[in-house]
Every structure is written in structure tokens, then in C-alpha cells.
């Protein structure tokens, strides 16, 4: 019993951390779609310098591309 509880706690922590991380990442990407300065900052950190046309194209691509929510896109039988 003293071995089972830490293992269960670890599994629950990992699952919870995954969902919290996915939620946080999704919110950050949504903010980035609406904030061109944030998108420009990310591009500069990756070594790209975007002009206004490229910035508009990147924002449009992010708006068109929806991140899937884990467990939502299951097919019903």
C-alpha cells in the first residue's frame, strides 16, 4: 500500500499537468493571434524578421488553424 499511493499520485499529477499545460498553451496562442507585437516577438526569438504582409499571413494562418482539444475529436460509435 505504501508503494501504490505514490504511483497513483504520480500518474494523477502527470495527467493533470498535461491538461493544464495544453490549456495554457492554447490560451497563449489565442492571445498571439490578436496581438501582432507578441507574434513579432516570437518570430524574432526564432530568428525571423517579418514584414507587415508576412505578419498578416501568419495571423491568418493561426486563425484558420484551430488546436484540437485532447479527447474532444473522438468518433462516436
Protein backbone atom coordinates (compact mmCIF):
# COMPACT_ATOMS: atom_id res chain seq x y z
CA UNK A 1 0.00 0.00 0.00
CA UNK A 2 2.89 2.37 0.68
CA UNK A 3 4.06 1.91 -2.94
CA UNK A 4 0.66 2.22 -4.60
CA UNK A 5 -0.23 5.69 -3.30
CA UNK A 6 2.92 7.43 -4.68
CA UNK A 7 2.44 5.75 -8.06
CA UNK A 8 -1.21 6.85 -8.25
CA UNK A 9 -0.22 10.36 -7.15
CA UNK A 10 2.44 10.49 -9.87
CA UNK A 11 0.00 9.39 -12.57
CA UNK A 12 -2.65 11.91 -11.45
CA UNK A 13 -0.02 14.67 -11.36
CA UNK A 14 1.23 13.86 -14.86
CA UNK A 15 -2.28 13.77 -16.33
CA UNK A 16 -3.25 16.99 -14.55
CA UNK A 17 -0.03 18.69 -15.65
CA UNK A 18 -0.62 17.69 -19.25
CA UNK A 19 -4.12 19.17 -19.35
CA UNK A 20 -3.07 22.35 -17.55
CA UNK A 21 -0.14 22.75 -19.97
CA UNK A 22 -2.36 22.20 -23.02
CA UNK A 23 -4.88 24.75 -21.71
CA UNK A 24 -2.12 27.32 -21.06
CA UNK A 25 -0.55 26.79 -24.48
CA UNK A 26 -3.94 27.17 -26.21
CA UNK A 27 -4.61 30.44 -24.37
CA UNK A 28 -1.16 31.79 -25.28
CA UNK A 29 -1.72 31.01 -28.96
CA UNK A 30 -5.14 32.69 -28.88
CA UNK A 31 -3.54 35.81 -27.38
CA UNK A 32 -0.86 35.73 -30.05
CA UNK A 33 -3.47 35.74 -32.81
CA UNK A 34 -4.86 39.04 -31.56
CA UNK A 35 -1.57 40.70 -30.61
CA UNK A 36 0.81 41.39 -33.53
CA UNK A 37 3.59 42.57 -31.19
CA UNK A 38 3.57 39.23 -29.39
CA UNK A 39 3.72 37.38 -32.70
CA UNK A 40 6.57 39.63 -33.91
CA UNK A 41 8.47 38.99 -30.66
CA UNK A 42 8.13 35.23 -31.07
CA UNK A 43 9.31 35.44 -34.68
CA UNK A 44 12.38 37.47 -33.66
CA UNK A 45 13.23 34.91 -30.96
CA UNK A 46 13.16 32.24 -33.66
CA UNK A 47 15.43 34.36 -35.88
CA UNK A 48 12.83 35.67 -38.35
CA UNK A 49 12.11 39.30 -39.16
CA UNK A 50 8.56 39.56 -40.51
CA UNK A 51 7.31 42.46 -42.59
CA UNK A 52 3.66 43.57 -42.40
CA UNK A 53 2.49 41.29 -45.24
CA UNK A 54 4.14 38.26 -43.67
CA UNK A 55 2.70 39.23 -40.29
CA UNK A 56 -0.83 39.36 -41.70
CA UNK A 57 -0.34 36.00 -43.38
CA UNK A 58 0.96 34.45 -40.15
CA UNK A 59 -2.01 35.80 -38.18
CA UNK A 60 -4.43 34.49 -40.79
CA UNK A 61 -2.80 31.06 -40.70
CA UNK A 62 -3.08 30.96 -36.90
CA UNK A 63 -6.75 31.97 -37.02
CA UNK A 64 -7.53 29.27 -39.60
CA UNK A 65 -5.67 26.59 -37.68
CA UNK A 66 -7.54 25.53 -34.55
CA UNK A 67 -5.69 23.49 -31.95
CA UNK A 68 -7.52 20.27 -31.10
CA UNK A 69 -8.67 19.80 -27.53
CA UNK A 70 -7.42 16.46 -26.16
CA UNK A 71 -10.25 13.96 -26.08
CA UNK A 72 -12.79 16.09 -27.98
CA UNK A 73 -12.37 14.77 -31.51
CA UNK A 74 -13.38 11.21 -30.79
CA UNK A 75 -15.66 9.43 -33.21
CA UNK A 76 -18.87 8.15 -31.74
CA UNK A 77 -19.77 4.56 -32.43
